[in-house]
């Protein structure tokens, strides 16, 4: 699924997730995160909304997001410029672990690193 996401084949990633579920397999956090990444990579408001729908489905299935999942979702917030949602998501992520990582650098829970646009210009908030 990750290869599908990297190749821009969100449709195939979705089919693989569906096949897993139809076979009675519980998709892993990596499978859900790959599909979230594929949706975010499309870069539209609708695709980011779909990524968050996958996140909701994942959580409803009892699969806990990882730091990679949150990173993908935060990237989606950057794509659509949704600062409020990003802040809420960041707080949710930090409530699940006492520290957060961003780009390999640990940041305090009261600090948000926000990457904006396609050139990933990052600023601390």
PDB file of N, CA and C in Angstrom:
ATOM      1  N   UNK A   1       0.816  -1.189   0.000  1.00  0.00           N
ATOM      2  CA  UNK A   1       0.000   0.000   0.000  1.00  0.00           C
ATOM      3  C   UNK A   1       0.859   1.251   0.000  1.00  0.00           C
ATOM      4  N   UNK A   2       1.946   1.188   0.714  1.00  0.00           N
ATOM      5  CA  UNK A   2       2.844   2.337   0.737  1.00  0.00           C
ATOM      6  C   UNK A   2       3.385   2.627  -0.655  1.00  0.00           C
ATOM      7  N   UNK A   3       3.706   1.563  -1.387  1.00  0.00           N
ATOM      8  CA  UNK A   3       4.202   1.749  -2.756  1.00  0.00           C
ATOM      9  C   UNK A   3       3.128   2.397  -3.631  1.00  0.00           C
ATOM     10  N   UNK A   4       1.876   2.013  -3.415  1.00  0.00           N
ATOM     11  CA  UNK A   4       0.772   2.633  -4.164  1.00  0.00           C
ATOM     12  C   UNK A   4       0.702   4.124  -3.855  1.00  0.00           C
ATOM     13  N   UNK A   5       0.805   4.458  -2.587  1.00  0.00           N
ATOM     14  CA  UNK A   5       0.746   5.871  -2.181  1.00  0.00           C
ATOM     15  C   UNK A   5       1.894   6.652  -2.791  1.00  0.00           C
ATOM     16  N   UNK A   6       3.101   6.085  -2.732  1.00  0.00           N
ATOM     17  CA  UNK A   6       4.276   6.769  -3.281  1.00  0.00           C
ATOM     18  C   UNK A   6       4.151   6.968  -4.785  1.00  0.00           C
ATOM     19  N   UNK A   7       3.522   6.008  -5.450  1.00  0.00           N
ATOM     20  CA  UNK A   7       3.384   6.072  -6.908  1.00  0.00           C
ATOM     21  C   UNK A   7       2.182   6.905  -7.343  1.00  0.00           C
ATOM     22  N   UNK A   8       1.447   7.452  -6.363  1.00  0.00           N
ATOM     23  CA  UNK A   8       0.276   8.241  -6.712  1.00  0.00           C
ATOM     24  C   UNK A   8      -0.908   7.391  -7.142  1.00  0.00           C
ATOM     25  N   UNK A   9      -0.937   6.142  -6.721  1.00  0.00           N
ATOM     26  CA  UNK A   9      -2.026   5.228  -7.082  1.00  0.00           C
ATOM     27  C   UNK A   9      -2.955   5.030  -5.886  1.00  0.00           C
ATOM     28  N   UNK A  10      -3.619   6.101  -5.496  1.00  0.00           N
ATOM     29  CA  UNK A  10      -4.548   6.055  -4.381  1.00  0.00           C
ATOM     30  C   UNK A  10      -5.653   5.040  -4.636  1.00  0.00           C
ATOM     31  N   UNK A  11      -6.081   4.934  -5.869  1.00  0.00           N
ATOM     32  CA  UNK A  11      -7.139   3.982  -6.208  1.00  0.00           C
ATOM     33  C   UNK A  11      -6.730   2.547  -5.864  1.00  0.00           C
ATOM     34  N   UNK A  12      -5.488   2.208  -6.133  1.00  0.00           N
ATOM     35  CA  UNK A  12      -5.000   0.864  -5.810  1.00  0.00           C
ATOM     36  C   UNK A  12      -4.857   0.673  -4.307  1.00  0.00           C
ATOM     37  N   UNK A  13      -4.411   1.706  -3.605  1.00  0.00           N
ATOM     38  CA  UNK A  13      -4.295   1.618  -2.149  1.00  0.00           C
ATOM     39  C   UNK A  13      -5.666   1.380  -1.528  1.00  0.00           C
ATOM     40  N   UNK A  14      -6.686   2.077  -2.049  1.00  0.00           N
ATOM     41  CA  UNK A  14      -8.049   1.873  -1.549  1.00  0.00           C
ATOM     42  C   UNK A  14      -8.522   0.452  -1.805  1.00  0.00           C
ATOM     43  N   UNK A  15      -8.249  -0.068  -2.992  1.00  0.00           N
ATOM     44  CA  UNK A  15      -8.659  -1.426  -3.331  1.00  0.00           C
ATOM     45  C   UNK A  15      -7.983  -2.447  -2.423  1.00  0.00           C
ATOM     46  N   UNK A  16      -6.704  -2.246  -2.140  1.00  0.00           N
ATOM     47  CA  UNK A  16      -5.990  -3.168  -1.260  1.00  0.00           C
ATOM     48  C   UNK A  16      -6.567  -3.156   0.151  1.00  0.00           C
ATOM     49  N   UNK A  17      -6.898  -1.974   0.664  1.00  0.00           N
ATOM     50  CA  UNK A  17      -7.491  -1.873   1.998  1.00  0.00           C
ATOM     51  C   UNK A  17      -8.841  -2.595   2.024  1.00  0.00           C
ATOM     52  N   UNK A  18      -9.637  -2.377   0.996  1.00  0.00           N
ATOM     53  CA  UNK A  18     -10.939  -3.030   0.903  1.00  0.00           C
ATOM     54  C   UNK A  18     -10.786  -4.555   0.820  1.00  0.00           C
ATOM     55  N   UNK A  19      -9.832  -5.020   0.028  1.00  0.00           N
ATOM     56  CA  UNK A  19      -9.587  -6.462  -0.074  1.00  0.00           C
ATOM     57  C   UNK A  19      -9.171  -7.055   1.274  1.00  0.00           C
ATOM     58  N   UNK A  20      -8.353  -6.327   2.025  1.00  0.00           N
ATOM     59  CA  UNK A  20      -7.962  -6.786   3.356  1.00  0.00           C
ATOM     60  C   UNK A  20      -9.193  -6.958   4.234  1.00  0.00           C
ATOM     61  N   UNK A  21     -10.061  -5.946   4.214  1.00  0.00           N
ATOM     62  CA  UNK A  21     -11.259  -5.991   5.049  1.00  0.00           C
ATOM     63  C   UNK A  21     -12.199  -7.106   4.610  1.00  0.00           C
ATOM     64  N   UNK A  22     -12.369  -7.281   3.307  1.00  0.00           N
ATOM     65  CA  UNK A  22     -13.244  -8.336   2.790  1.00  0.00           C
ATOM     66  C   UNK A  22     -12.718  -9.732   3.127  1.00  0.00           C
ATOM     67  N   UNK A  23     -11.418  -9.864   3.259  1.00  0.00           N
ATOM     68  CA  UNK A  23     -10.806 -11.146   3.614  1.00  0.00           C
ATOM     69  C   UNK A  23     -10.833 -11.393   5.115  1.00  0.00           C
ATOM     70  N   UNK A  24     -11.430 -10.456   5.867  1.00  0.00           N
ATOM     71  CA  UNK A  24     -11.516 -10.613   7.315  1.00  0.00           C
ATOM     72  C   UNK A  24     -10.271 -10.181   8.060  1.00  0.00           C
ATOM     73  N   UNK A  25      -9.381  -9.503   7.362  1.00  0.00           N
ATOM     74  CA  UNK A  25      -8.148  -9.022   7.995  1.00  0.00           C
ATOM     75  C   UNK A  25      -8.367  -7.614   8.529  1.00  0.00           C
ATOM     76  N   UNK A  26      -7.801  -7.342   9.694  1.00  0.00           N
ATOM     77  CA  UNK A  26      -7.844  -5.995  10.249  1.00  0.00           C
ATOM     78  C   UNK A  26      -6.682  -5.212   9.642  1.00  0.00           C
ATOM     79  N   UNK A  27      -6.972  -4.155   8.871  1.00  0.00           N
ATOM     80  CA  UNK A  27      -5.869  -3.346   8.329  1.00  0.00           C
ATOM     81  C   UNK A  27      -5.009  -2.772   9.462  1.00  0.00           C
ATOM     82  N   UNK A  28      -3.733  -2.710   9.219  1.00  0.00           N
ATOM     83  CA  UNK A  28      -2.795  -2.183  10.206  1.00  0.00           C
ATOM     84  C   UNK A  28      -2.767  -0.659  10.143  1.00  0.00           C
ATOM     85  N   UNK A  29      -2.143  -0.072  11.130  1.00  0.00           N
ATOM     86  CA  UNK A  29      -1.981   1.382  11.119  1.00  0.00           C
ATOM     87  C   UNK A  29      -1.168   1.812   9.904  1.00  0.00           C
ATOM     88  N   UNK A  30      -0.223   0.978   9.483  1.00  0.00           N
ATOM     89  CA  UNK A  30       0.582   1.306   8.307  1.00  0.00           C
ATOM     90  C   UNK A  30      -0.290   1.335   7.047  1.00  0.00           C
ATOM     91  N   UNK A  31      -1.237   0.407   6.939  1.00  0.00           N
ATOM     92  CA  UNK A  31      -2.124   0.375   5.779  1.00  0.00           C
ATOM     93  C   UNK A  31      -3.009   1.618   5.743  1.00  0.00           C
ATOM     94  N   UNK A  32      -3.624   1.937   6.881  1.00  0.00           N
ATOM     95  CA  UNK A  32      -4.459   3.138   6.934  1.00  0.00           C
ATOM     96  C   UNK A  32      -3.641   4.395   6.644  1.00  0.00           C
ATOM     97  N   UNK A  33      -2.455   4.473   7.234  1.00  0.00           N
ATOM     98  CA  UNK A  33      -1.616   5.661   7.052  1.00  0.00           C
ATOM     99  C   UNK A  33      -1.183   5.804   5.597  1.00  0.00           C
ATOM    100  N   UNK A  34      -0.890   4.688   4.931  1.00  0.00           N
ATOM    101  CA  UNK A  34      -0.526   4.751   3.514  1.00  0.00           C
ATOM    102  C   UNK A  34      -1.675   5.328   2.692  1.00  0.00           C
ATOM    103  N   UNK A  35      -2.904   4.933   3.007  1.00  0.00           N
ATOM    104  CA  UNK A  35      -4.055   5.456   2.280  1.00  0.00           C
ATOM    105  C   UNK A  35      -4.266   6.942   2.607  1.00  0.00           C
ATOM    106  N   UNK A  36      -4.085   7.309   3.861  1.00  0.00           N
ATOM    107  CA  UNK A  36      -4.172   8.729   4.242  1.00  0.00           C
ATOM    108  C   UNK A  36      -3.144   9.532   3.455  1.00  0.00           C
ATOM    109  N   UNK A  37      -1.917   9.018   3.396  1.00  0.00           N
ATOM    110  CA  UNK A  37      -0.847   9.701   2.660  1.00  0.00           C
ATOM    111  C   UNK A  37      -1.210   9.849   1.184  1.00  0.00           C
ATOM    112  N   UNK A  38      -1.774   8.791   0.608  1.00  0.00           N
ATOM    113  CA  UNK A  38      -2.156   8.847  -0.806  1.00  0.00           C
ATOM    114  C   UNK A  38      -3.211   9.920  -1.056  1.00  0.00           C
ATOM    115  N   UNK A  39      -4.196  10.012  -0.155  1.00  0.00           N
ATOM    116  CA  UNK A  39      -5.221  11.053  -0.310  1.00  0.00           C
ATOM    117  C   UNK A  39      -4.607  12.439  -0.181  1.00  0.00           C
ATOM    118  N   UNK A  40      -3.768  12.650   0.827  1.00  0.00           N
ATOM    119  CA  UNK A  40      -3.147  13.966   1.038  1.00  0.00           C
ATOM    120  C   UNK A  40      -2.287  14.342  -0.152  1.00  0.00           C
ATOM    121  N   UNK A  41      -1.597  13.364  -0.696  1.00  0.00           N
ATOM    122  CA  UNK A  41      -0.689  13.615  -1.823  1.00  0.00           C
ATOM    123  C   UNK A  41      -1.437  14.170  -3.036  1.00  0.00           C
ATOM    124  N   UNK A  42      -2.739  13.874  -3.163  1.00  0.00           N
ATOM    125  CA  UNK A  42      -3.513  14.419  -4.280  1.00  0.00           C
ATOM    126  C   UNK A  42      -3.638  15.942  -4.182  1.00  0.00           C
ATOM    127  N   UNK A  43      -3.571  16.477  -2.969  1.00  0.00           N
ATOM    128  CA  UNK A  43      -3.438  17.919  -2.791  1.00  0.00           C
ATOM    129  C   UNK A  43      -4.666  18.778  -3.017  1.00  0.00           C
ATOM    130  N   UNK A  44      -5.864  18.219  -2.865  1.00  0.00           N
ATOM    131  CA  UNK A  44      -7.072  19.022  -3.011  1.00  0.00           C
ATOM    132  C   UNK A  44      -7.838  19.044  -1.692  1.00  0.00           C
ATOM    133  N   UNK A  45      -8.748  19.982  -1.577  1.00  0.00           N
ATOM    134  CA  UNK A  45      -9.584  20.041  -0.370  1.00  0.00           C
ATOM    135  C   UNK A  45     -10.377  18.747  -0.211  1.00  0.00           C
ATOM    136  N   UNK A  46     -10.925  18.256  -1.317  1.00  0.00           N
ATOM    137  CA  UNK A  46     -11.710  17.019  -1.263  1.00  0.00           C
ATOM    138  C   UNK A  46     -10.848  15.828  -0.852  1.00  0.00           C
ATOM    139  N   UNK A  47      -9.627  15.761  -1.357  1.00  0.00           N
ATOM    140  CA  UNK A  47      -8.771  14.621  -1.015  1.00  0.00           C
ATOM    141  C   UNK A  47      -8.317  14.692   0.443  1.00  0.00           C
ATOM    142  N   UNK A  48      -8.096  15.891   0.950  1.00  0.00           N
ATOM    143  CA  UNK A  48      -7.733  16.029   2.367  1.00  0.00           C
ATOM    144  C   UNK A  48      -8.921  15.632   3.239  1.00  0.00           C
ATOM    145  N   UNK A  49     -10.127  16.020   2.837  1.00  0.00           N
ATOM    146  CA  UNK A  49     -11.327  15.598   3.573  1.00  0.00           C
ATOM    147  C   UNK A  49     -11.435  14.076   3.569  1.00  0.00           C
ATOM    148  N   UNK A  50     -11.117  13.449   2.453  1.00  0.00           N
ATOM    149  CA  UNK A  50     -11.146  11.988   2.366  1.00  0.00           C
ATOM    150  C   UNK A  50     -10.091  11.370   3.283  1.00  0.00           C
ATOM    151  N   UNK A  51      -8.933  12.005   3.390  1.00  0.00           N
ATOM    152  CA  UNK A  51      -7.878  11.515   4.292  1.00  0.00           C
ATOM    153  C   UNK A  51      -8.372  11.520   5.738  1.00  0.00           C
ATOM    154  N   UNK A  52      -9.070  12.579   6.114  1.00  0.00           N
ATOM    155  CA  UNK A  52      -9.599  12.645   7.474  1.00  0.00           C
ATOM    156  C   UNK A  52     -10.722  11.632   7.681  1.00  0.00           C
ATOM    157  N   UNK A  53     -11.472  11.305   6.625  1.00  0.00           N
ATOM    158  CA  UNK A  53     -12.498  10.266   6.723  1.00  0.00           C
ATOM    159  C   UNK A  53     -11.840   8.902   6.973  1.00  0.00           C
ATOM    160  N   UNK A  54     -10.716   8.648   6.306  1.00  0.00           N
ATOM    161  CA  UNK A  54      -9.974   7.401   6.545  1.00  0.00           C
ATOM    162  C   UNK A  54      -9.481   7.371   7.992  1.00  0.00           C
ATOM    163  N   UNK A  55      -9.015   8.499   8.489  1.00  0.00           N
ATOM    164  CA  UNK A  55      -8.562   8.593   9.888  1.00  0.00           C
ATOM    165  C   UNK A  55      -9.709   8.258  10.839  1.00  0.00           C
ATOM    166  N   UNK A  56     -10.890   8.798  10.578  1.00  0.00           N
ATOM    167  CA  UNK A  56     -12.054   8.500  11.423  1.00  0.00           C
ATOM    168  C   UNK A  56     -12.377   7.000  11.376  1.00  0.00           C
ATOM    169  N   UNK A  57     -12.345   6.421  10.176  1.00  0.00           N
ATOM    170  CA  UNK A  57     -12.612   4.985  10.035  1.00  0.00           C
ATOM    171  C   UNK A  57     -11.578   4.159  10.793  1.00  0.00           C
ATOM    172  N   UNK A  58     -10.336   4.569  10.706  1.00  0.00           N
ATOM    173  CA  UNK A  58      -9.249   3.881  11.378  1.00  0.00           C
ATOM    174  C   UNK A  58      -9.476   3.880  12.885  1.00  0.00           C
ATOM    175  N   UNK A  59      -9.775   5.043  13.424  1.00  0.00           N
ATOM    176  CA  UNK A  59      -9.999   5.157  14.868  1.00  0.00           C
ATOM    177  C   UNK A  59     -11.237   4.371  15.290  1.00  0.00           C
ATOM    178  N   UNK A  60     -12.286   4.408  14.461  1.00  0.00           N
ATOM    179  CA  UNK A  60     -13.503   3.652  14.762  1.00  0.00           C
ATOM    180  C   UNK A  60     -13.233   2.150  14.773  1.00  0.00           C
ATOM    181  N   UNK A  61     -12.256   1.713  13.984  1.00  0.00           N
ATOM    182  CA  UNK A  61     -11.883   0.297  13.939  1.00  0.00           C
ATOM    183  C   UNK A  61     -10.954  -0.088  15.092  1.00  0.00           C
ATOM    184  N   UNK A  62     -10.629   0.894  15.942  1.00  0.00           N
ATOM    185  CA  UNK A  62      -9.767   0.614  17.089  1.00  0.00           C
ATOM    186  C   UNK A  62      -8.289   0.629  16.783  1.00  0.00           C
ATOM    187  N   UNK A  63      -7.917   1.201  15.647  1.00  0.00           N
ATOM    188  CA  UNK A  63      -6.503   1.283  15.261  1.00  0.00           C
ATOM    189  C   UNK A  63      -5.994   2.665  15.632  1.00  0.00           C
ATOM    190  N   UNK A  64      -5.010   2.714  16.497  1.00  0.00           N
ATOM    191  CA  UNK A  64      -4.476   3.989  16.987  1.00  0.00           C
ATOM    192  C   UNK A  64      -3.502   4.590  15.983  1.00  0.00           C
ATOM    193  N   UNK A  65      -3.628   5.895  15.715  1.00  0.00           N
ATOM    194  CA  UNK A  65      -2.685   6.556  14.808  1.00  0.00           C
ATOM    195  C   UNK A  65      -1.294   6.643  15.416  1.00  0.00           C
ATOM    196  N   UNK A  66      -0.305   6.705  14.546  1.00  0.00           N
ATOM    197  CA  UNK A  66       1.080   6.878  14.978  1.00  0.00           C
ATOM    198  C   UNK A  66       1.535   8.296  14.659  1.00  0.00           C
ATOM    199  N   UNK A  67       2.771   8.598  15.002  1.00  0.00           N
ATOM    200  CA  UNK A  67       3.327   9.905  14.671  1.00  0.00           C
ATOM    201  C   UNK A  67       3.357  10.107  13.154  1.00  0.00           C
ATOM    202  N   UNK A  68       3.542   9.034  12.398  1.00  0.00           N
ATOM    203  CA  UNK A  68       3.547   9.146  10.941  1.00  0.00           C
ATOM    204  C   UNK A  68       2.142   9.493  10.436  1.00  0.00           C
ATOM    205  N   UNK A  69       1.126   8.873  11.030  1.00  0.00           N
ATOM    206  CA  UNK A  69      -0.258   9.186  10.661  1.00  0.00           C
ATOM    207  C   UNK A  69      -0.539  10.662  10.900  1.00  0.00           C
ATOM    208  N   UNK A  70      -0.172  11.134  12.088  1.00  0.00           N
ATOM    209  CA  UNK A  70      -0.397  12.548  12.414  1.00  0.00           C
ATOM    210  C   UNK A  70       0.381  13.465  11.482  1.00  0.00           C
ATOM    211  N   UNK A  71       1.582  13.076  11.131  1.00  0.00           N
ATOM    212  CA  UNK A  71       2.383  13.882  10.218  1.00  0.00           C
ATOM    213  C   UNK A  71       1.689  14.027   8.865  1.00  0.00           C
ATOM    214  N   UNK A  72       1.140  12.926   8.364  1.00  0.00           N
ATOM    215  CA  UNK A  72       0.410  12.977   7.089  1.00  0.00           C
ATOM    216  C   UNK A  72      -0.806  13.888   7.199  1.00  0.00           C
ATOM    217  N   UNK A  73      -1.552  13.758   8.288  1.00  0.00           N
ATOM    218  CA  UNK A  73      -2.744  14.583   8.462  1.00  0.00           C
ATOM    219  C   UNK A  73      -2.378  16.060   8.619  1.00  0.00           C
ATOM    220  N   UNK A  74      -1.300  16.336   9.338  1.00  0.00           N
ATOM    221  CA  UNK A  74      -0.845  17.731   9.471  1.00  0.00           C
ATOM    222  C   UNK A  74      -0.419  18.290   8.117  1.00  0.00           C
ATOM    223  N   UNK A  75       0.208  17.468   7.302  1.00  0.00           N
ATOM    224  CA  UNK A  75       0.556  17.895   5.951  1.00  0.00           C
ATOM    225  C   UNK A  75      -0.713  18.255   5.180  1.00  0.00           C
ATOM    226  N   UNK A  76      -1.755  17.451   5.351  1.00  0.00           N
ATOM    227  CA  UNK A  76      -3.026  17.742   4.707  1.00  0.00           C
ATOM    228  C   UNK A  76      -3.599  19.074   5.152  1.00  0.00           C
ATOM    229  N   UNK A  77      -3.484  19.370   6.434  1.00  0.00           N
ATOM    230  CA  UNK A  77      -3.939  20.670   6.938  1.00  0.00           C
ATOM    231  C   UNK A  77      -3.163  21.798   6.269  1.00  0.00           C
ATOM    232  N   UNK A  78      -1.877  21.587   6.051  1.00  0.00           N
ATOM    233  CA  UNK A  78      -1.060  22.586   5.368  1.00  0.00           C
ATOM    234  C   UNK A  78      -1.485  22.777   3.925  1.00  0.00           C
ATOM    235  N   UNK A  79      -1.868  21.690   3.286  1.00  0.00           N
ATOM    236  CA  UNK A  79      -2.305  21.755   1.885  1.00  0.00           C
ATOM    237  C   UNK A  79      -3.503  22.678   1.744  1.00  0.00           C
ATOM    238  N   UNK A  80      -4.443  22.568   2.675  1.00  0.00           N
ATOM    239  CA  UNK A  80      -5.674  23.364   2.578  1.00  0.00           C
ATOM    240  C   UNK A  80      -5.638  24.621   3.452  1.00  0.00           C
ATOM    241  N   UNK A  81      -4.535  24.842   4.169  1.00  0.00           N
ATOM    242  CA  UNK A  81      -4.397  26.039   4.993  1.00  0.00           C
ATOM    243  C   UNK A  81      -5.295  26.056   6.215  1.00  0.00           C
ATOM    244  N   UNK A  82      -5.602  24.893   6.765  1.00  0.00           N
ATOM    245  CA  UNK A  82      -6.500  24.792   7.918  1.00  0.00           C
ATOM    246  C   UNK A  82      -5.699  24.778   9.211  1.00  0.00           C
ATOM    247  N   UNK A  83      -5.349  25.971   9.679  1.00  0.00           N
ATOM    248  CA  UNK A  83      -4.515  26.115  10.870  1.00  0.00           C
ATOM    249  C   UNK A  83      -5.240  25.615  12.114  1.00  0.00           C
ATOM    250  N   UNK A  84      -6.513  25.925  12.248  1.00  0.00           N
ATOM    251  CA  UNK A  84      -7.268  25.507  13.434  1.00  0.00           C
ATOM    252  C   UNK A  84      -7.308  23.982  13.561  1.00  0.00           C
ATOM    253  N   UNK A  85      -7.579  23.313  12.459  1.00  0.00           N
ATOM    254  CA  UNK A  85      -7.620  21.857  12.495  1.00  0.00           C
ATOM    255  C   UNK A  85      -6.242  21.296  12.815  1.00  0.00           C
ATOM    256  N   UNK A  86      -5.204  21.920  12.266  1.00  0.00           N
ATOM    257  CA  UNK A  86      -3.837  21.466  12.536  1.00  0.00           C
ATOM    258  C   UNK A  86      -3.510  21.596  14.017  1.00  0.00           C
ATOM    259  N   UNK A  87      -3.897  22.708  14.616  1.00  0.00           N
ATOM    260  CA  UNK A  87      -3.632  22.899  16.046  1.00  0.00           C
ATOM    261  C   UNK A  87      -4.363  21.854  16.880  1.00  0.00           C
ATOM    262  N   UNK A  88      -5.624  21.590  16.553  1.00  0.00           N
ATOM    263  CA  UNK A  88      -6.379  20.573  17.276  1.00  0.00           C
ATOM    264  C   UNK A  88      -5.770  19.195  17.112  1.00  0.00           C
ATOM    265  N   UNK A  89      -5.357  18.890  15.901  1.00  0.00           N
ATOM    266  CA  UNK A  89      -4.741  17.601  15.611  1.00  0.00           C
ATOM    267  C   UNK A  89      -3.418  17.451  16.355  1.00  0.00           C
ATOM    268  N   UNK A  90      -2.646  18.530  16.357  1.00  0.00           N
ATOM    269  CA  UNK A  90      -1.371  18.511  17.063  1.00  0.00           C
ATOM    270  C   UNK A  90      -1.589  18.282  18.564  1.00  0.00           C
ATOM    271  N   UNK A  91      -2.577  18.962  19.129  1.00  0.00           N
ATOM    272  CA  UNK A  91      -2.877  18.770  20.552  1.00  0.00           C
ATOM    273  C   UNK A  91      -3.338  17.345  20.825  1.00  0.00           C
ATOM    274  N   UNK A  92      -4.133  16.787  19.936  1.00  0.00           N
ATOM    275  CA  UNK A  92      -4.569  15.400  20.078  1.00  0.00           C
ATOM    276  C   UNK A  92      -3.370  14.461  20.059  1.00  0.00           C
ATOM    277  N   UNK A  93      -2.466  14.685  19.120  1.00  0.00           N
ATOM    278  CA  UNK A  93      -1.276  13.839  19.014  1.00  0.00           C
ATOM    279  C   UNK A  93      -0.435  13.934  20.275  1.00  0.00           C
ATOM    280  N   UNK A  94      -0.269  15.134  20.771  1.00  0.00           N
ATOM    281  CA  UNK A  94       0.571  15.322  21.957  1.00  0.00           C
ATOM    282  C   UNK A  94      -0.094  14.814  23.226  1.00  0.00           C
ATOM    283  N   UNK A  95      -1.420  14.708  23.231  1.00  0.00           N
ATOM    284  CA  UNK A  95      -2.093  14.165  24.405  1.00  0.00           C
ATOM    285  C   UNK A  95      -1.919  12.651  24.472  1.00  0.00           C
ATOM    286  N   UNK A  96      -1.631  12.053  23.326  1.00  0.00           N
ATOM    287  CA  UNK A  96      -1.438  10.608  23.290  1.00  0.00           C
ATOM    288  C   UNK A  96      -0.011  10.209  23.627  1.00  0.00           C
ATOM    289  N   UNK A  97       0.908  11.106  23.466  1.00  0.00           N
ATOM    290  CA  UNK A  97       2.295  10.911  23.887  1.00  0.00           C
ATOM    291  C   UNK A  97       2.734  12.209  24.540  1.00  0.00           C
ATOM    292  N   UNK A  98       3.659  12.166  25.459  1.00  0.00           N
ATOM    293  CA  UNK A  98       4.022  13.389  26.184  1.00  0.00           C
ATOM    294  C   UNK A  98       4.963  14.289  25.413  1.00  0.00           C
ATOM    295  N   UNK A  99       5.451  13.842  24.301  1.00  0.00           N
ATOM    296  CA  UNK A  99       6.277  14.665  23.424  1.00  0.00           C
ATOM    297  C   UNK A  99       5.900  14.386  21.990  1.00  0.00           C
ATOM    298  N   UNK A 100       6.272  15.266  21.124  1.00  0.00           N
ATOM    299  CA  UNK A 100       6.003  15.085  19.700  1.00  0.00           C
ATOM    300  C   UNK A 100       7.290  15.268  18.921  1.00  0.00           C
ATOM    301  N   UNK A 101       7.345  14.599  17.792  1.00  0.00           N
ATOM    302  CA  UNK A 101       8.489  14.727  16.898  1.00  0.00           C
ATOM    303  C   UNK A 101       8.023  15.361  15.609  1.00  0.00           C
ATOM    304  N   UNK A 102       8.827  16.231  15.066  1.00  0.00           N
ATOM    305  CA  UNK A 102       8.532  16.824  13.764  1.00  0.00           C
ATOM    306  C   UNK A 102       9.829  16.913  13.000  1.00  0.00           C
ATOM    307  N   UNK A 103       9.909  16.215  11.899  1.00  0.00           N
ATOM    308  CA  UNK A 103      11.099  16.272  11.060  1.00  0.00           C
ATOM    309  C   UNK A 103      12.355  15.803  11.759  1.00  0.00           C
ATOM    310  N   UNK A 104      12.204  14.898  12.726  1.00  0.00           N
ATOM    311  CA  UNK A 104      13.360  14.377  13.438  1.00  0.00           C
ATOM    312  C   UNK A 104      13.818  15.248  14.590  1.00  0.00           C
ATOM    313  N   UNK A 105      13.099  16.333  14.866  1.00  0.00           N
ATOM    314  CA  UNK A 105      13.477  17.224  15.955  1.00  0.00           C
ATOM    315  C   UNK A 105      12.363  17.200  16.983  1.00  0.00           C
ATOM    316  N   UNK A 106      12.692  16.886  18.229  1.00  0.00           N
ATOM    317  CA  UNK A 106      11.672  16.885  19.276  1.00  0.00           C
ATOM    318  C   UNK A 106      11.247  18.306  19.586  1.00  0.00           C
ATOM    319  N   UNK A 107       9.955  18.501  19.751  1.00  0.00           N
ATOM    320  CA  UNK A 107       9.451  19.832  20.095  1.00  0.00           C
ATOM    321  C   UNK A 107       8.591  19.720  21.339  1.00  0.00           C
ATOM    322  N   UNK A 108       8.580  20.771  22.120  1.00  0.00           N
ATOM    323  CA  UNK A 108       7.745  20.809  23.311  1.00  0.00           C
ATOM    324  C   UNK A 108       6.282  20.758  22.907  1.00  0.00           C
ATOM    325  N   UNK A 109       5.428  20.288  23.800  1.00  0.00           N
ATOM    326  CA  UNK A 109       4.020  20.150  23.465  1.00  0.00           C
ATOM    327  C   UNK A 109       3.324  21.493  23.289  1.00  0.00           C
ATOM    328  N   UNK A 110       3.942  22.597  23.726  1.00  0.00           N
ATOM    329  CA  UNK A 110       3.316  23.905  23.513  1.00  0.00           C
ATOM    330  C   UNK A 110       3.899  24.618  22.291  1.00  0.00           C
ATOM    331  N   UNK A 111       4.652  23.898  21.475  1.00  0.00           N
ATOM    332  CA  UNK A 111       5.246  24.456  20.268  1.00  0.00           C
ATOM    333  C   UNK A 111       4.700  23.709  19.059  1.00  0.00           C
ATOM    334  N   UNK A 112       4.374  24.436  18.031  1.00  0.00           N
ATOM    335  CA  UNK A 112       3.916  23.802  16.801  1.00  0.00           C
ATOM    336  C   UNK A 112       4.816  24.253  15.672  1.00  0.00           C
ATOM    337  N   UNK A 113       5.309  23.296  14.929  1.00  0.00           N
ATOM    338  CA  UNK A 113       6.066  23.610  13.727  1.00  0.00           C
ATOM    339  C   UNK A 113       5.098  23.442  12.571  1.00  0.00           C
ATOM    340  N   UNK A 114       4.904  24.489  11.810  1.00  0.00           N
ATOM    341  CA  UNK A 114       3.900  24.513  10.752  1.00  0.00           C
ATOM    342  C   UNK A 114       4.605  24.632   9.424  1.00  0.00           C
ATOM    343  N   UNK A 115       4.391  23.669   8.538  1.00  0.00           N
ATOM    344  CA  UNK A 115       4.978  23.715   7.206  1.00  0.00           C
ATOM    345  C   UNK A 115       3.912  24.164   6.229  1.00  0.00           C
ATOM    346  N   UNK A 116       4.262  25.145   5.434  1.00  0.00           N
ATOM    347  CA  UNK A 116       3.280  25.785   4.569  1.00  0.00           C
ATOM    348  C   UNK A 116       3.703  25.654   3.114  1.00  0.00           C
ATOM    349  N   UNK A 117       2.752  25.304   2.269  1.00  0.00           N
ATOM    350  CA  UNK A 117       2.974  25.331   0.834  1.00  0.00           C
ATOM    351  C   UNK A 117       3.809  24.176   0.328  1.00  0.00           C
ATOM    352  N   UNK A 118       4.060  24.216  -0.943  1.00  0.00           N
ATOM    353  CA  UNK A 118       4.781  23.128  -1.587  1.00  0.00           C
ATOM    354  C   UNK A 118       6.267  23.140  -1.285  1.00  0.00           C
ATOM    355  N   UNK A 119       6.798  24.289  -0.853  1.00  0.00           N
ATOM    356  CA  UNK A 119       8.235  24.339  -0.559  1.00  0.00           C
ATOM    357  C   UNK A 119       8.531  24.012   0.905  1.00  0.00           C
ATOM    358  N   UNK A 120       7.504  23.640   1.667  1.00  0.00           N
ATOM    359  CA  UNK A 120       7.655  23.235   3.061  1.00  0.00           C
ATOM    360  C   UNK A 120       8.442  24.235   3.897  1.00  0.00           C
ATOM    361  N   UNK A 121       8.103  25.490   3.774  1.00  0.00           N
ATOM    362  CA  UNK A 121       8.694  26.507   4.639  1.00  0.00           C
ATOM    363  C   UNK A 121       8.125  26.301   6.031  1.00  0.00           C
ATOM    364  N   UNK A 122       8.999  26.083   7.005  1.00  0.00           N
ATOM    365  CA  UNK A 122       8.532  25.765   8.350  1.00  0.00           C
ATOM    366  C   UNK A 122       8.778  26.933   9.292  1.00  0.00           C
ATOM    367  N   UNK A 123       7.792  27.168  10.143  1.00  0.00           N
ATOM    368  CA  UNK A 123       7.892  28.211  11.157  1.00  0.00           C
ATOM    369  C   UNK A 123       7.417  27.640  12.476  1.00  0.00           C
ATOM    370  N   UNK A 124       7.993  28.103  13.574  1.00  0.00           N
ATOM    371  CA  UNK A 124       7.523  27.707  14.889  1.00  0.00           C
ATOM    372  C   UNK A 124       6.409  28.628  15.337  1.00  0.00           C
ATOM    373  N   UNK A 125       5.399  28.053  15.947  1.00  0.00           N
ATOM    374  CA  UNK A 125       4.261  28.836  16.442  1.00  0.00           C
ATOM    375  C   UNK A 125       4.146  28.596  17.936  1.00  0.00           C
TER     376      UNK A 125
END
